[in-house]
Amino acid sequence: MIKGLLFDYGGTIDTNGIHWAVVLKNAYQHFGIEVPETLFSQAYTFGERSLALQALVKPEHNFLDVLRLKVTQQFQFLNGQGFITNPEAIEMIAAHCNEFAADTISVTRRTLEELAEKYPLVMVSNFYGNLHTVLRDFGILHLFQEVVESAVVGCRKPDPKIYQLGVDALGFAPEECMVVGDTFGKDIVPAKAGGCPVIWLKCQGWEEDPEKIRETGILADYTITDFAEISAIVKG
C-alpha cells in the first residue's frame, strides 16, 4: 500500500519528462543557433559541471537566474571551441526555457495538488542549493512536506542514500514510498536499490542507452509518458 510519494524535480515536474538538454537544444534551434549534436552535448555537460563545482548559483536565485548561468557557461565553452555565439541570445534562450518550465508546471501542478490532498509528498532532487526558491517562485513549494536537495544534504543521485533521506522524511517503509522520476540511471536504479516502487516518466531522455538499461535487469514498476498518469496508478 502506497502511503507517500517521492518526486524528482528537473526533467520530471518542470518538463513532463523531457530532459533539459533537449529543452535547451530546442531553444537554441528556435533562435536559429544550430550547434552540432556532439558539441552541444559537451557544452551542456560543461555548463552543468561549472554550476556544480563553482557554486555560481546562490540560494536566492530563481530558475530564470539559473538558466542565464547555464547558457552563459555553455556559450563560454562553445566560444572556446571556435563556435562564436551572440551574447544577446543568452537572455532570449533563458527566458524561452523559463516560460516553457512555467507553462509545464502550470499543468503538472494540478496532479501534484490532487495527490497532495491524499498523500504526503517529498522532493528528492540533484540541484544547486536554491530549490526552495525555485519551487516557491513557481508556486508549488507548499505541496511538499520536505525538499531533499543534493547541494544541501551532501549526496547526489545515483547514490541511493539520497532517496533513503526522502523515505526517512516520509517516515514510512521503502515499499510504501512510491518514487516518480524521469532518468533511469539516476532515479529508477537508486530508488529500486532502496526498495521503493517506481514510476518511470519515460519521454525524451538524454544519453540513456536502451541496451545499458536492459543490461541492468532492473524494471520500473510502471512506465508512463505523461505526468498526469500518476494519479490513476496511485489510485489503482
C-alpha atoms as a PDB file:
ATOM      1  CA  MET A   1       0.000   0.000   0.000  1.00  0.00           C
ATOM      2  CA  ILE A   2       1.399   3.394  -1.015  1.00  0.00           C
ATOM      3  CA  LYS A   3       1.439   5.908   1.833  1.00  0.00           C
ATOM      4  CA  GLY A   4       3.723   8.641   0.429  1.00  0.00           C
ATOM      5  CA  LEU A   5       5.299   9.873  -2.793  1.00  0.00           C
ATOM      6  CA  LEU A   6       8.848  10.973  -3.658  1.00  0.00           C
ATOM      7  CA  PHE A   7       9.318  13.193  -6.706  1.00  0.00           C
ATOM      8  CA  ASP A   8      12.300  14.083  -8.818  1.00  0.00           C
ATOM      9  CA  TYR A   9      12.155  17.699  -9.971  1.00  0.00           C
ATOM     10  CA  GLY A  10      14.188  18.640 -13.057  1.00  0.00           C
ATOM     11  CA  GLY A  11      13.009  16.808 -16.171  1.00  0.00           C
ATOM     12  CA  THR A  12      10.005  15.421 -14.308  1.00  0.00           C
ATOM     13  CA  ILE A  13       7.806  18.168 -12.877  1.00  0.00           C
ATOM     14  CA  ASP A  14       9.150  21.102 -14.891  1.00  0.00           C
ATOM     15  CA  THR A  15       9.322  19.482 -18.367  1.00  0.00           C
ATOM     16  CA  ASN A  16       6.960  16.472 -18.138  1.00  0.00           C
ATOM     17  CA  GLY A  17       9.710  14.004 -18.944  1.00  0.00           C
ATOM     18  CA  ILE A  18      11.793  15.929 -21.462  1.00  0.00           C
ATOM     19  CA  HIS A  19      15.463  16.097 -20.469  1.00  0.00           C
ATOM     20  CA  TRP A  20      16.738  19.655 -20.007  1.00  0.00           C
ATOM     21  CA  ALA A  21      19.457  19.092 -22.598  1.00  0.00           C
ATOM     22  CA  VAL A  22      16.688  18.520 -25.149  1.00  0.00           C
ATOM     23  CA  VAL A  23      14.735  21.588 -23.988  1.00  0.00           C
ATOM     24  CA  LEU A  24      17.814  23.804 -24.260  1.00  0.00           C
ATOM     25  CA  LYS A  25      18.853  22.407 -27.644  1.00  0.00           C
ATOM     26  CA  ASN A  26      15.332  23.088 -28.936  1.00  0.00           C
ATOM     27  CA  ALA A  27      15.583  26.667 -27.636  1.00  0.00           C
ATOM     28  CA  TYR A  28      18.899  27.159 -29.431  1.00  0.00           C
ATOM     29  CA  GLN A  29      17.271  25.999 -32.653  1.00  0.00           C
ATOM     30  CA  HIS A  30      14.235  28.210 -32.023  1.00  0.00           C
ATOM     31  CA  PHE A  31      16.537  31.216 -32.192  1.00  0.00           C
ATOM     32  CA  GLY A  32      18.442  29.916 -35.210  1.00  0.00           C
ATOM     33  CA  ILE A  33      21.529  28.667 -33.351  1.00  0.00           C
ATOM     34  CA  GLU A  34      22.462  25.321 -34.898  1.00  0.00           C
ATOM     35  CA  VAL A  35      25.133  23.614 -32.826  1.00  0.00           C
ATOM     36  CA  PRO A  36      26.406  20.155 -33.867  1.00  0.00           C
ATOM     37  CA  GLU A  37      24.970  17.481 -31.562  1.00  0.00           C
ATOM     38  CA  THR A  38      28.280  16.325 -30.081  1.00  0.00           C
ATOM     39  CA  LEU A  39      29.483  19.876 -29.490  1.00  0.00           C
ATOM     40  CA  PHE A  40      26.205  20.828 -27.818  1.00  0.00           C
ATOM     41  CA  SER A  41      26.388  17.760 -25.567  1.00  0.00           C
ATOM     42  CA  GLN A  42      29.871  18.805 -24.492  1.00  0.00           C
ATOM     43  CA  ALA A  43      28.708  22.378 -23.859  1.00  0.00           C
ATOM     44  CA  TYR A  44      25.734  21.170 -21.823  1.00  0.00           C
ATOM     45  CA  THR A  45      27.928  18.913 -19.684  1.00  0.00           C
ATOM     46  CA  PHE A  46      30.461  21.711 -19.205  1.00  0.00           C
ATOM     47  CA  GLY A  47      27.695  24.049 -18.046  1.00  0.00           C
ATOM     48  CA  GLU A  48      26.314  21.563 -15.541  1.00  0.00           C
ATOM     49  CA  ARG A  49      29.749  20.868 -14.088  1.00  0.00           C
ATOM     50  CA  SER A  50      30.537  24.569 -13.867  1.00  0.00           C
ATOM     51  CA  LEU A  51      27.379  25.281 -11.892  1.00  0.00           C
ATOM     52  CA  ALA A  52      28.036  22.341  -9.588  1.00  0.00           C
ATOM     53  CA  LEU A  53      31.733  22.977  -8.958  1.00  0.00           C
ATOM     54  CA  GLN A  54      31.940  26.767  -8.932  1.00  0.00           C
ATOM     55  CA  ALA A  55      28.917  27.456  -6.694  1.00  0.00           C
ATOM     56  CA  LEU A  56      27.669  30.033  -9.184  1.00  0.00           C
ATOM     57  CA  VAL A  57      24.061  29.544  -8.102  1.00  0.00           C
ATOM     58  CA  LYS A  58      23.035  31.345  -4.921  1.00  0.00           C
ATOM     59  CA  PRO A  59      20.154  30.331  -2.621  1.00  0.00           C
ATOM     60  CA  GLU A  60      18.124  33.391  -3.672  1.00  0.00           C
ATOM     61  CA  HIS A  61      18.354  32.651  -7.404  1.00  0.00           C
ATOM     62  CA  ASN A  62      15.136  31.700  -9.164  1.00  0.00           C
ATOM     63  CA  PHE A  63      15.044  29.402 -12.182  1.00  0.00           C
ATOM     64  CA  LEU A  64      15.465  32.202 -14.719  1.00  0.00           C
ATOM     65  CA  ASP A  65      18.689  33.136 -12.932  1.00  0.00           C
ATOM     66  CA  VAL A  66      19.842  29.503 -13.140  1.00  0.00           C
ATOM     67  CA  LEU A  67      19.076  29.342 -16.844  1.00  0.00           C
ATOM     68  CA  ARG A  68      21.058  32.521 -17.506  1.00  0.00           C
ATOM     69  CA  LEU A  69      24.036  30.981 -15.730  1.00  0.00           C
ATOM     70  CA  LYS A  70      23.677  27.669 -17.578  1.00  0.00           C
ATOM     71  CA  VAL A  71      23.529  29.242 -21.007  1.00  0.00           C
ATOM     72  CA  THR A  72      26.368  31.657 -20.188  1.00  0.00           C
ATOM     73  CA  GLN A  73      28.597  28.702 -19.302  1.00  0.00           C
ATOM     74  CA  GLN A  74      27.520  26.830 -22.420  1.00  0.00           C
ATOM     75  CA  PHE A  75      28.326  29.837 -24.610  1.00  0.00           C
ATOM     76  CA  GLN A  76      31.734  30.199 -22.981  1.00  0.00           C
ATOM     77  CA  PHE A  77      32.513  26.590 -23.846  1.00  0.00           C
ATOM     78  CA  LEU A  78      31.241  26.966 -27.410  1.00  0.00           C
ATOM     79  CA  ASN A  79      33.272  30.136 -27.944  1.00  0.00           C
ATOM     80  CA  GLY A  80      36.343  28.342 -26.642  1.00  0.00           C
ATOM     81  CA  GLN A  81      35.774  25.656 -29.257  1.00  0.00           C
ATOM     82  CA  GLY A  82      35.595  28.238 -32.031  1.00  0.00           C
ATOM     83  CA  PHE A  83      31.791  28.305 -32.264  1.00  0.00           C
ATOM     84  CA  ILE A  84      31.035  32.001 -31.928  1.00  0.00           C
ATOM     85  CA  THR A  85      27.768  32.928 -30.236  1.00  0.00           C
ATOM     86  CA  ASN A  86      25.917  36.212 -29.753  1.00  0.00           C
ATOM     87  CA  PRO A  87      25.821  37.129 -26.021  1.00  0.00           C
ATOM     88  CA  GLU A  88      22.411  38.737 -26.555  1.00  0.00           C
ATOM     89  CA  ALA A  89      20.987  35.270 -27.228  1.00  0.00           C
ATOM     90  CA  ILE A  90      21.635  34.219 -23.614  1.00  0.00           C
ATOM     91  CA  GLU A  91      18.671  36.193 -22.289  1.00  0.00           C
ATOM     92  CA  MET A  92      16.395  35.057 -25.126  1.00  0.00           C
ATOM     93  CA  ILE A  93      17.173  31.364 -24.596  1.00  0.00           C
ATOM     94  CA  ALA A  94      16.911  31.633 -20.808  1.00  0.00           C
ATOM     95  CA  ALA A  95      13.553  33.439 -20.959  1.00  0.00           C
ATOM     96  CA  HIS A  96      12.211  30.988 -23.556  1.00  0.00           C
ATOM     97  CA  CYS A  97      13.146  27.980 -21.404  1.00  0.00           C
ATOM     98  CA  ASN A  98      11.834  29.573 -18.222  1.00  0.00           C
ATOM     99  CA  GLU A  99       8.491  30.175 -19.909  1.00  0.00           C
ATOM    100  CA  PHE A 100       8.435  26.540 -21.033  1.00  0.00           C
ATOM    101  CA  ALA A 101       9.036  25.383 -17.451  1.00  0.00           C
ATOM    102  CA  ALA A 102       6.376  27.728 -16.053  1.00  0.00           C
ATOM    103  CA  ASP A 103       3.822  26.555 -18.622  1.00  0.00           C
ATOM    104  CA  THR A 104       4.605  22.907 -17.890  1.00  0.00           C
ATOM    105  CA  ILE A 105       4.380  23.368 -14.129  1.00  0.00           C
ATOM    106  CA  SER A 106       1.018  25.090 -14.512  1.00  0.00           C
ATOM    107  CA  VAL A 107      -0.208  21.718 -15.808  1.00  0.00           C
ATOM    108  CA  THR A 108       1.759  19.278 -13.609  1.00  0.00           C
ATOM    109  CA  ARG A 109       0.737  21.317 -10.552  1.00  0.00           C
ATOM    110  CA  ARG A 110      -2.836  20.025 -10.952  1.00  0.00           C
ATOM    111  CA  THR A 111      -1.680  16.434 -10.488  1.00  0.00           C
ATOM    112  CA  LEU A 112       0.531  17.399  -7.551  1.00  0.00           C
ATOM    113  CA  GLU A 113      -2.351  19.220  -5.868  1.00  0.00           C
ATOM    114  CA  GLU A 114      -4.625  16.223  -6.329  1.00  0.00           C
ATOM    115  CA  LEU A 115      -2.027  13.856  -4.885  1.00  0.00           C
ATOM    116  CA  ALA A 116      -1.126  16.184  -2.009  1.00  0.00           C
ATOM    117  CA  GLU A 117      -4.724  16.006  -0.774  1.00  0.00           C
ATOM    118  CA  LYS A 118      -4.264  12.287  -0.043  1.00  0.00           C
ATOM    119  CA  TYR A 119      -0.536  11.677   0.392  1.00  0.00           C
ATOM    120  CA  PRO A 120       2.487  13.456   1.860  1.00  0.00           C
ATOM    121  CA  LEU A 121       4.890  14.476  -0.925  1.00  0.00           C
ATOM    122  CA  VAL A 122       8.672  14.838  -0.674  1.00  0.00           C
ATOM    123  CA  MET A 123      11.012  16.252  -3.315  1.00  0.00           C
ATOM    124  CA  VAL A 124      14.329  14.458  -3.956  1.00  0.00           C
ATOM    125  CA  SER A 125      16.497  16.323  -6.445  1.00  0.00           C
ATOM    126  CA  ASN A 126      20.007  16.939  -7.691  1.00  0.00           C
ATOM    127  CA  PHE A 127      20.016  20.730  -7.575  1.00  0.00           C
ATOM    128  CA  TYR A 128      22.204  23.733  -6.834  1.00  0.00           C
ATOM    129  CA  GLY A 129      21.171  24.904  -3.364  1.00  0.00           C
ATOM    130  CA  ASN A 130      18.281  27.151  -4.448  1.00  0.00           C
ATOM    131  CA  LEU A 131      15.485  24.652  -4.990  1.00  0.00           C
ATOM    132  CA  HIS A 132      13.284  26.166  -2.286  1.00  0.00           C
ATOM    133  CA  THR A 133      13.450  29.499  -4.115  1.00  0.00           C
ATOM    134  CA  VAL A 134      12.651  27.854  -7.464  1.00  0.00           C
ATOM    135  CA  LEU A 135       9.692  25.883  -6.115  1.00  0.00           C
ATOM    136  CA  ARG A 136       8.357  28.928  -4.271  1.00  0.00           C
ATOM    137  CA  ASP A 137       8.700  31.077  -7.391  1.00  0.00           C
ATOM    138  CA  PHE A 138       6.729  28.511  -9.410  1.00  0.00           C
ATOM    139  CA  GLY A 139       4.072  28.254  -6.688  1.00  0.00           C
ATOM    140  CA  ILE A 140       4.479  24.593  -5.684  1.00  0.00           C
ATOM    141  CA  LEU A 141       6.778  24.621  -2.620  1.00  0.00           C
ATOM    142  CA  HIS A 142       3.832  24.345  -0.224  1.00  0.00           C
ATOM    143  CA  LEU A 143       2.843  20.999  -1.751  1.00  0.00           C
ATOM    144  CA  PHE A 144       5.959  19.255  -0.422  1.00  0.00           C
ATOM    145  CA  GLN A 145       6.430  18.128   3.153  1.00  0.00           C
ATOM    146  CA  GLU A 146      10.191  18.292   2.705  1.00  0.00           C
ATOM    147  CA  VAL A 147      12.768  19.034  -0.009  1.00  0.00           C
ATOM    148  CA  VAL A 148      15.847  16.795  -0.144  1.00  0.00           C
ATOM    149  CA  GLU A 149      18.343  18.666  -2.321  1.00  0.00           C
ATOM    150  CA  SER A 150      21.764  17.264  -3.253  1.00  0.00           C
ATOM    151  CA  ALA A 151      23.695  20.514  -2.717  1.00  0.00           C
ATOM    152  CA  VAL A 152      22.231  20.788   0.778  1.00  0.00           C
ATOM    153  CA  VAL A 153      22.397  17.175   2.007  1.00  0.00           C
ATOM    154  CA  GLY A 154      25.817  16.375   0.512  1.00  0.00           C
ATOM    155  CA  CYS A 155      24.968  13.380  -1.674  1.00  0.00           C
ATOM    156  CA  ARG A 156      23.720  13.106  -5.230  1.00  0.00           C
ATOM    157  CA  LYS A 157      21.797  10.696  -7.371  1.00  0.00           C
ATOM    158  CA  PRO A 158      22.507   7.969  -8.333  1.00  0.00           C
ATOM    159  CA  ASP A 159      23.605   7.389  -4.721  1.00  0.00           C
ATOM    160  CA  PRO A 160      20.650   5.527  -3.124  1.00  0.00           C
ATOM    161  CA  LYS A 161      21.336   7.399   0.118  1.00  0.00           C
ATOM    162  CA  ILE A 162      19.573  10.496  -1.191  1.00  0.00           C
ATOM    163  CA  TYR A 163      16.380   8.541  -1.764  1.00  0.00           C
ATOM    164  CA  GLN A 164      16.735   6.971   1.681  1.00  0.00           C
ATOM    165  CA  LEU A 165      16.711  10.506   3.088  1.00  0.00           C
ATOM    166  CA  GLY A 166      13.433  11.051   1.258  1.00  0.00           C
ATOM    167  CA  VAL A 167      11.996   7.834   2.665  1.00  0.00           C
ATOM    168  CA  ASP A 168      13.123   8.883   6.154  1.00  0.00           C
ATOM    169  CA  ALA A 169      11.390  12.239   5.686  1.00  0.00           C
ATOM    170  CA  LEU A 170       8.123  10.466   4.884  1.00  0.00           C
ATOM    171  CA  GLY A 171       8.547   8.140   7.838  1.00  0.00           C
ATOM    172  CA  PHE A 172       7.258   5.026   6.076  1.00  0.00           C
ATOM    173  CA  ALA A 173       8.818   1.754   4.938  1.00  0.00           C
ATOM    174  CA  PRO A 174      10.511   1.974   1.494  1.00  0.00           C
ATOM    175  CA  GLU A 175       7.892  -0.292  -0.078  1.00  0.00           C
ATOM    176  CA  GLU A 176       5.247   2.237   0.992  1.00  0.00           C
ATOM    177  CA  CYS A 177       7.021   5.146  -0.757  1.00  0.00           C
ATOM    178  CA  MET A 178       6.439   5.487  -4.484  1.00  0.00           C
ATOM    179  CA  VAL A 179       9.210   7.267  -6.431  1.00  0.00           C
ATOM    180  CA  VAL A 180       8.495   9.251  -9.608  1.00  0.00           C
ATOM    181  CA  GLY A 181      11.402  10.195 -11.885  1.00  0.00           C
ATOM    182  CA  ASP A 182      12.416  10.614 -15.494  1.00  0.00           C
ATOM    183  CA  THR A 183      16.028   9.380 -15.553  1.00  0.00           C
ATOM    184  CA  PHE A 184      16.570   5.629 -15.424  1.00  0.00           C
ATOM    185  CA  GLY A 185      20.116   5.701 -14.069  1.00  0.00           C
ATOM    186  CA  LYS A 186      19.586   8.492 -11.531  1.00  0.00           C
ATOM    187  CA  ASP A 187      16.022   7.814 -10.422  1.00  0.00           C
ATOM    188  CA  ILE A 188      14.871   4.291 -11.208  1.00  0.00           C
ATOM    189  CA  VAL A 189      18.074   2.419 -10.318  1.00  0.00           C
ATOM    190  CA  PRO A 190      18.755   4.033  -6.911  1.00  0.00           C
ATOM    191  CA  ALA A 191      15.084   4.048  -5.925  1.00  0.00           C
ATOM    192  CA  LYS A 192      14.727   0.347  -6.661  1.00  0.00           C
ATOM    193  CA  ALA A 193      18.008  -0.324  -4.827  1.00  0.00           C
ATOM    194  CA  GLY A 194      16.450   1.270  -1.777  1.00  0.00           C
ATOM    195  CA  GLY A 195      13.338  -0.896  -2.004  1.00  0.00           C
ATOM    196  CA  CYS A 196      10.898   1.681  -3.342  1.00  0.00           C
ATOM    197  CA  PRO A 197       8.338   1.034  -6.082  1.00  0.00           C
ATOM    198  CA  VAL A 198       8.945   3.331  -9.054  1.00  0.00           C
ATOM    199  CA  ILE A 199       7.056   5.178 -11.769  1.00  0.00           C
ATOM    200  CA  TRP A 200       9.314   5.979 -14.730  1.00  0.00           C
ATOM    201  CA  LEU A 201       8.260   9.057 -16.690  1.00  0.00           C
ATOM    202  CA  LYS A 202       9.801   7.989 -19.978  1.00  0.00           C
ATOM    203  CA  CYS A 203       9.752  10.629 -22.697  1.00  0.00           C
ATOM    204  CA  GLN A 204      12.722  12.385 -24.313  1.00  0.00           C
ATOM    205  CA  GLY A 205      15.795  11.315 -22.359  1.00  0.00           C
ATOM    206  CA  TRP A 206      19.405  12.207 -22.994  1.00  0.00           C
ATOM    207  CA  GLU A 207      22.264   9.754 -23.275  1.00  0.00           C
ATOM    208  CA  GLU A 208      20.183   6.900 -21.873  1.00  0.00           C
ATOM    209  CA  ASP A 209      21.261   3.816 -23.811  1.00  0.00           C
ATOM    210  CA  PRO A 210      18.356   1.320 -24.076  1.00  0.00           C
ATOM    211  CA  GLU A 211      20.824  -1.577 -24.212  1.00  0.00           C
ATOM    212  CA  LYS A 212      22.534  -0.484 -20.992  1.00  0.00           C
ATOM    213  CA  ILE A 213      19.131  -0.114 -19.357  1.00  0.00           C
ATOM    214  CA  ARG A 214      18.245  -3.681 -20.330  1.00  0.00           C
ATOM    215  CA  GLU A 215      21.584  -4.935 -19.038  1.00  0.00           C
ATOM    216  CA  THR A 216      20.806  -3.640 -15.537  1.00  0.00           C
ATOM    217  CA  GLY A 217      17.992  -6.160 -15.259  1.00  0.00           C
ATOM    218  CA  ILE A 218      16.029  -3.507 -13.382  1.00  0.00           C
ATOM    219  CA  LEU A 219      12.437  -2.759 -14.294  1.00  0.00           C
ATOM    220  CA  ALA A 220      10.272   0.173 -13.294  1.00  0.00           C
ATOM    221  CA  ASP A 221       7.011  -0.887 -11.673  1.00  0.00           C
ATOM    222  CA  TYR A 222       5.157   1.479 -14.003  1.00  0.00           C
ATOM    223  CA  THR A 223       6.220   3.336 -17.141  1.00  0.00           C
ATOM    224  CA  ILE A 224       4.292   6.430 -18.254  1.00  0.00           C
ATOM    225  CA  THR A 225       4.657   9.148 -20.870  1.00  0.00           C
ATOM    226  CA  ASP A 226       2.648  11.891 -19.176  1.00  0.00           C
ATOM    227  CA  PHE A 227       2.843  13.202 -15.612  1.00  0.00           C
ATOM    228  CA  ALA A 228      -0.957  13.212 -15.333  1.00  0.00           C
ATOM    229  CA  GLU A 229      -0.977   9.383 -15.499  1.00  0.00           C
ATOM    230  CA  ILE A 230       0.404   9.196 -11.948  1.00  0.00           C
ATOM    231  CA  SER A 231      -2.969   9.765 -10.286  1.00  0.00           C
ATOM    232  CA  ALA A 232      -4.589   6.729 -11.876  1.00  0.00           C
ATOM    233  CA  ILE A 233      -1.660   4.495 -10.879  1.00  0.00           C
ATOM    234  CA  VAL A 234      -1.673   5.573  -7.266  1.00  0.00           C
ATOM    235  CA  LYS A 235      -5.464   5.274  -7.022  1.00  0.00           C
ATOM    236  CA  GLY A 236      -5.281   1.779  -8.553  1.00  0.00           C
END
